């Protein structure tokens, strides 16, 4: 019986890894130092709304809420990581400042974000660029770990992190 449960968990883990790779990027967590660098690079302030696309274990969400005073929204498609992140948010008592959405970030409205963080694959960033330009408001900041957004020039960089500020259109009057 124990062997059957272990086998089931192993298969679920392998499917989980393959599923996230197929849908956007494999789960490769950013270091805690990189999380802080990216949030600092984006100049996250208290009251900002930070979206983390493919939030994994929630480290961006928790850090944005606890250390920067932001409201954080994570979108995760992997059911195992989604459940793990829900558990962490509950245990760390972040529920009032952190919200987690189970699903595909391509199907979610990102318009409420002041800051978007991501550590996705190159191809995923290219598909995501048009969505970000269409949905994010003037001055929204996008920080990507390692992978560029073609056709968007980074405003600042810090190691492998790149900050993009969406200013294509003039702000509303």
C-alpha atoms as a PDB file:
ATOM      1  CA  UNK A   1       0.000   0.000   0.000  1.00  0.00           C
ATOM      2  CA  UNK A   2       2.789   2.456   0.916  1.00  0.00           C
ATOM      3  CA  UNK A   3       4.569   1.600  -2.330  1.00  0.00           C
ATOM      4  CA  UNK A   4       1.400   2.318  -4.315  1.00  0.00           C
ATOM      5  CA  UNK A   5       0.991   5.719  -2.645  1.00  0.00           C
ATOM      6  CA  UNK A   6       4.668   6.548  -3.233  1.00  0.00           C
ATOM      7  CA  UNK A   7       4.352   5.526  -6.891  1.00  0.00           C
ATOM      8  CA  UNK A   8       1.220   7.671  -7.251  1.00  0.00           C
ATOM      9  CA  UNK A   9       2.984  10.692  -5.747  1.00  0.00           C
ATOM     10  CA  UNK A  10       5.996  10.141  -7.978  1.00  0.00           C
ATOM     11  CA  UNK A  11       3.816   9.939 -11.107  1.00  0.00           C
ATOM     12  CA  UNK A  12       1.906  13.075 -10.032  1.00  0.00           C
ATOM     13  CA  UNK A  13       5.206  14.892  -9.536  1.00  0.00           C
ATOM     14  CA  UNK A  14       6.507  13.878 -12.979  1.00  0.00           C
ATOM     15  CA  UNK A  15       3.231  14.851 -14.674  1.00  0.00           C
ATOM     16  CA  UNK A  16       3.327  18.146 -12.792  1.00  0.00           C
ATOM     17  CA  UNK A  17       6.818  18.945 -14.082  1.00  0.00           C
ATOM     18  CA  UNK A  18       5.895  18.058 -17.654  1.00  0.00           C
ATOM     19  CA  UNK A  19       2.604  19.977 -17.532  1.00  0.00           C
ATOM     20  CA  UNK A  20       4.177  23.255 -16.395  1.00  0.00           C
ATOM     21  CA  UNK A  21       6.967  22.958 -18.963  1.00  0.00           C
ATOM     22  CA  UNK A  22       4.389  22.471 -21.710  1.00  0.00           C
ATOM     23  CA  UNK A  23       2.191  25.353 -20.494  1.00  0.00           C
ATOM     24  CA  UNK A  24       4.850  28.014 -19.935  1.00  0.00           C
ATOM     25  CA  UNK A  25       8.047  26.998 -18.205  1.00  0.00           C
ATOM     26  CA  UNK A  26       9.409  24.289 -15.972  1.00  0.00           C
ATOM     27  CA  UNK A  27       9.447  25.148 -12.301  1.00  0.00           C
ATOM     28  CA  UNK A  28      12.861  26.522 -11.453  1.00  0.00           C
ATOM     29  CA  UNK A  29      12.546  28.632  -8.319  1.00  0.00           C
ATOM     30  CA  UNK A  30      14.268  31.986  -8.118  1.00  0.00           C
ATOM     31  CA  UNK A  31      16.627  32.309  -5.181  1.00  0.00           C
ATOM     32  CA  UNK A  32      15.397  34.443  -2.283  1.00  0.00           C
ATOM     33  CA  UNK A  33      18.140  36.956  -3.109  1.00  0.00           C
ATOM     34  CA  UNK A  34      16.896  37.155  -6.720  1.00  0.00           C
ATOM     35  CA  UNK A  35      13.312  37.639  -5.492  1.00  0.00           C
ATOM     36  CA  UNK A  36      14.405  40.651  -3.439  1.00  0.00           C
ATOM     37  CA  UNK A  37      16.534  42.004  -6.301  1.00  0.00           C
ATOM     38  CA  UNK A  38      13.640  41.756  -8.748  1.00  0.00           C
ATOM     39  CA  UNK A  39      11.153  43.398  -6.375  1.00  0.00           C
ATOM     40  CA  UNK A  40      13.677  46.151  -5.617  1.00  0.00           C
ATOM     41  CA  UNK A  41      14.409  46.607  -9.310  1.00  0.00           C
ATOM     42  CA  UNK A  42      10.656  47.104  -9.866  1.00  0.00           C
ATOM     43  CA  UNK A  43      10.607  49.653  -7.030  1.00  0.00           C
ATOM     44  CA  UNK A  44       7.724  47.883  -5.285  1.00  0.00           C
ATOM     45  CA  UNK A  45       6.075  50.128  -2.722  1.00  0.00           C
ATOM     46  CA  UNK A  46       3.409  49.589  -0.057  1.00  0.00           C
ATOM     47  CA  UNK A  47       0.027  49.463  -1.744  1.00  0.00           C
ATOM     48  CA  UNK A  48       1.354  48.215  -5.097  1.00  0.00           C
ATOM     49  CA  UNK A  49      -0.344  45.189  -6.605  1.00  0.00           C
ATOM     50  CA  UNK A  50       2.237  42.591  -7.618  1.00  0.00           C
ATOM     51  CA  UNK A  51       1.275  39.709  -9.907  1.00  0.00           C
ATOM     52  CA  UNK A  52       3.568  36.698 -10.127  1.00  0.00           C
ATOM     53  CA  UNK A  53       2.958  34.606 -13.239  1.00  0.00           C
ATOM     54  CA  UNK A  54       3.636  30.955 -12.506  1.00  0.00           C
ATOM     55  CA  UNK A  55       4.034  31.670  -8.803  1.00  0.00           C
ATOM     56  CA  UNK A  56       5.310  28.205  -7.878  1.00  0.00           C
ATOM     57  CA  UNK A  57       5.865  28.046  -4.126  1.00  0.00           C
ATOM     58  CA  UNK A  58       4.777  31.655  -3.574  1.00  0.00           C
ATOM     59  CA  UNK A  59       8.111  33.167  -2.604  1.00  0.00           C
ATOM     60  CA  UNK A  60       7.499  36.341  -4.646  1.00  0.00           C
ATOM     61  CA  UNK A  61       4.010  36.701  -3.197  1.00  0.00           C
ATOM     62  CA  UNK A  62       5.066  36.257   0.403  1.00  0.00           C
ATOM     63  CA  UNK A  63       8.109  38.530   0.056  1.00  0.00           C
ATOM     64  CA  UNK A  64       6.106  41.247  -1.730  1.00  0.00           C
ATOM     65  CA  UNK A  65       3.461  41.174   1.008  1.00  0.00           C
ATOM     66  CA  UNK A  66       5.687  40.871   4.091  1.00  0.00           C
ATOM     67  CA  UNK A  67       8.762  42.870   3.132  1.00  0.00           C
ATOM     68  CA  UNK A  68       7.365  45.446   0.696  1.00  0.00           C
ATOM     69  CA  UNK A  69       3.806  45.966   1.977  1.00  0.00           C
ATOM     70  CA  UNK A  70       2.308  45.108  -1.408  1.00  0.00           C
ATOM     71  CA  UNK A  71      -0.813  43.177  -2.234  1.00  0.00           C
ATOM     72  CA  UNK A  72       0.210  40.078  -4.177  1.00  0.00           C
ATOM     73  CA  UNK A  73      -1.644  37.914  -6.679  1.00  0.00           C
ATOM     74  CA  UNK A  74      -0.164  34.649  -7.866  1.00  0.00           C
ATOM     75  CA  UNK A  75      -1.309  32.608 -10.832  1.00  0.00           C
ATOM     76  CA  UNK A  76      -0.290  28.949 -10.896  1.00  0.00           C
ATOM     77  CA  UNK A  77      -1.353  26.176 -13.264  1.00  0.00           C
ATOM     78  CA  UNK A  78       0.360  23.289 -11.469  1.00  0.00           C
ATOM     79  CA  UNK A  79      -2.084  21.762  -8.962  1.00  0.00           C
ATOM     80  CA  UNK A  80       0.668  20.499  -6.638  1.00  0.00           C
ATOM     81  CA  UNK A  81       2.415  23.859  -6.412  1.00  0.00           C
ATOM     82  CA  UNK A  82      -0.926  25.631  -6.140  1.00  0.00           C
ATOM     83  CA  UNK A  83      -1.854  23.501  -3.110  1.00  0.00           C
ATOM     84  CA  UNK A  84       1.603  23.943  -1.570  1.00  0.00           C
ATOM     85  CA  UNK A  85       1.405  27.705  -2.037  1.00  0.00           C
ATOM     86  CA  UNK A  86      -2.094  27.778  -0.495  1.00  0.00           C
ATOM     87  CA  UNK A  87      -0.700  25.954   2.531  1.00  0.00           C
ATOM     88  CA  UNK A  88       2.234  28.384   2.886  1.00  0.00           C
ATOM     89  CA  UNK A  89      -0.019  31.424   2.571  1.00  0.00           C
ATOM     90  CA  UNK A  90      -2.245  30.037   5.311  1.00  0.00           C
ATOM     91  CA  UNK A  91       0.568  28.984   7.648  1.00  0.00           C
ATOM     92  CA  UNK A  92       2.379  32.315   7.223  1.00  0.00           C
ATOM     93  CA  UNK A  93      -0.897  34.227   7.728  1.00  0.00           C
ATOM     94  CA  UNK A  94      -0.686  36.111   4.460  1.00  0.00           C
ATOM     95  CA  UNK A  95      -4.305  35.591   3.380  1.00  0.00           C
ATOM     96  CA  UNK A  96      -5.233  39.271   3.754  1.00  0.00           C
ATOM     97  CA  UNK A  97      -2.461  40.415   1.408  1.00  0.00           C
ATOM     98  CA  UNK A  98      -1.988  37.446  -0.911  1.00  0.00           C
ATOM     99  CA  UNK A  99      -4.458  35.901  -3.335  1.00  0.00           C
ATOM    100  CA  UNK A 100      -3.772  32.800  -5.372  1.00  0.00           C
ATOM    101  CA  UNK A 101      -5.483  31.915  -8.642  1.00  0.00           C
ATOM    102  CA  UNK A 102      -5.422  28.371 -10.019  1.00  0.00           C
ATOM    103  CA  UNK A 103      -5.220  28.569 -13.778  1.00  0.00           C
ATOM    104  CA  UNK A 104      -3.464  29.700 -16.909  1.00  0.00           C
ATOM    105  CA  UNK A 105      -2.137  33.255 -16.724  1.00  0.00           C
ATOM    106  CA  UNK A 106      -2.866  33.678 -20.436  1.00  0.00           C
ATOM    107  CA  UNK A 107      -6.564  33.371 -19.543  1.00  0.00           C
ATOM    108  CA  UNK A 108      -6.468  35.799 -16.588  1.00  0.00           C
ATOM    109  CA  UNK A 109      -6.913  39.558 -16.671  1.00  0.00           C
ATOM    110  CA  UNK A 110      -3.641  41.164 -15.595  1.00  0.00           C
ATOM    111  CA  UNK A 111      -4.972  44.722 -15.784  1.00  0.00           C
ATOM    112  CA  UNK A 112      -4.943  45.256 -12.013  1.00  0.00           C
ATOM    113  CA  UNK A 113      -1.175  44.823 -11.725  1.00  0.00           C
ATOM    114  CA  UNK A 114       1.257  47.597 -10.918  1.00  0.00           C
ATOM    115  CA  UNK A 115       4.119  45.090 -11.124  1.00  0.00           C
ATOM    116  CA  UNK A 116       4.344  41.729 -12.897  1.00  0.00           C
ATOM    117  CA  UNK A 117       7.132  39.283 -12.061  1.00  0.00           C
ATOM    118  CA  UNK A 118       7.969  36.241 -14.132  1.00  0.00           C
ATOM    119  CA  UNK A 119      10.607  33.595 -14.664  1.00  0.00           C
ATOM    120  CA  UNK A 120       9.335  31.925 -17.792  1.00  0.00           C
ATOM    121  CA  UNK A 121      10.816  30.449 -20.951  1.00  0.00           C
ATOM    122  CA  UNK A 122      11.876  32.616 -23.900  1.00  0.00           C
ATOM    123  CA  UNK A 123       8.986  31.436 -26.104  1.00  0.00           C
ATOM    124  CA  UNK A 124       6.479  32.034 -23.320  1.00  0.00           C
ATOM    125  CA  UNK A 125       7.723  35.603 -22.839  1.00  0.00           C
ATOM    126  CA  UNK A 126       7.271  36.260 -26.566  1.00  0.00           C
ATOM    127  CA  UNK A 127       3.647  35.078 -26.413  1.00  0.00           C
ATOM    128  CA  UNK A 128       3.080  37.050 -23.220  1.00  0.00           C
ATOM    129  CA  UNK A 129       4.459  40.394 -24.481  1.00  0.00           C
ATOM    130  CA  UNK A 130       1.353  41.320 -26.494  1.00  0.00           C
ATOM    131  CA  UNK A 131      -0.934  40.443 -23.571  1.00  0.00           C
ATOM    132  CA  UNK A 132       1.080  42.623 -21.206  1.00  0.00           C
ATOM    133  CA  UNK A 133       1.073  45.564 -23.621  1.00  0.00           C
ATOM    134  CA  UNK A 134      -2.676  45.210 -24.144  1.00  0.00           C
ATOM    135  CA  UNK A 135      -3.778  44.721 -20.537  1.00  0.00           C
ATOM    136  CA  UNK A 136      -1.355  46.572 -18.279  1.00  0.00           C
ATOM    137  CA  UNK A 137      -1.871  50.244 -17.560  1.00  0.00           C
ATOM    138  CA  UNK A 138       0.534  53.074 -18.290  1.00  0.00           C
ATOM    139  CA  UNK A 139       3.642  52.842 -16.116  1.00  0.00           C
ATOM    140  CA  UNK A 140       3.165  49.224 -15.059  1.00  0.00           C
ATOM    141  CA  UNK A 141       6.470  47.491 -14.366  1.00  0.00           C
ATOM    142  CA  UNK A 142       7.377  44.034 -15.620  1.00  0.00           C
ATOM    143  CA  UNK A 143      10.394  42.221 -14.209  1.00  0.00           C
ATOM    144  CA  UNK A 144      11.667  39.097 -15.909  1.00  0.00           C
ATOM    145  CA  UNK A 145      14.325  36.781 -14.569  1.00  0.00           C
ATOM    146  CA  UNK A 146      16.764  35.785 -17.331  1.00  0.00           C
ATOM    147  CA  UNK A 147      14.489  35.857 -20.398  1.00  0.00           C
ATOM    148  CA  UNK A 148      13.879  38.954 -22.491  1.00  0.00           C
ATOM    149  CA  UNK A 149      10.722  40.278 -24.066  1.00  0.00           C
ATOM    150  CA  UNK A 150      11.561  40.843 -27.734  1.00  0.00           C
ATOM    151  CA  UNK A 151      10.464  44.261 -28.949  1.00  0.00           C
ATOM    152  CA  UNK A 152      10.530  45.731 -25.445  1.00  0.00           C
ATOM    153  CA  UNK A 153      13.606  47.526 -24.196  1.00  0.00           C
ATOM    154  CA  UNK A 154      14.552  47.028 -20.551  1.00  0.00           C
ATOM    155  CA  UNK A 155      14.726  50.228 -18.530  1.00  0.00           C
ATOM    156  CA  UNK A 156      17.128  48.756 -15.968  1.00  0.00           C
ATOM    157  CA  UNK A 157      18.881  45.459 -15.430  1.00  0.00           C
ATOM    158  CA  UNK A 158      20.408  43.805 -12.394  1.00  0.00           C
ATOM    159  CA  UNK A 159      22.275  40.602 -13.131  1.00  0.00           C
ATOM    160  CA  UNK A 160      19.908  38.398 -15.112  1.00  0.00           C
ATOM    161  CA  UNK A 161      16.817  40.413 -14.063  1.00  0.00           C
ATOM    162  CA  UNK A 162      15.372  42.917 -16.503  1.00  0.00           C
ATOM    163  CA  UNK A 163      12.861  45.672 -15.730  1.00  0.00           C
ATOM    164  CA  UNK A 164      10.445  46.784 -18.428  1.00  0.00           C
ATOM    165  CA  UNK A 165       8.146  49.767 -17.909  1.00  0.00           C
ATOM    166  CA  UNK A 166       5.108  49.928 -20.153  1.00  0.00           C
ATOM    167  CA  UNK A 167       4.888  53.504 -21.387  1.00  0.00           C
ATOM    168  CA  UNK A 168       3.860  52.995 -25.013  1.00  0.00           C
ATOM    169  CA  UNK A 169       0.818  55.218 -24.694  1.00  0.00           C
ATOM    170  CA  UNK A 170       0.353  58.474 -22.909  1.00  0.00           C
ATOM    171  CA  UNK A 171      -1.333  58.333 -19.520  1.00  0.00           C
ATOM    172  CA  UNK A 172      -5.064  59.006 -19.386  1.00  0.00           C
ATOM    173  CA  UNK A 173      -6.062  62.655 -18.774  1.00  0.00           C
END
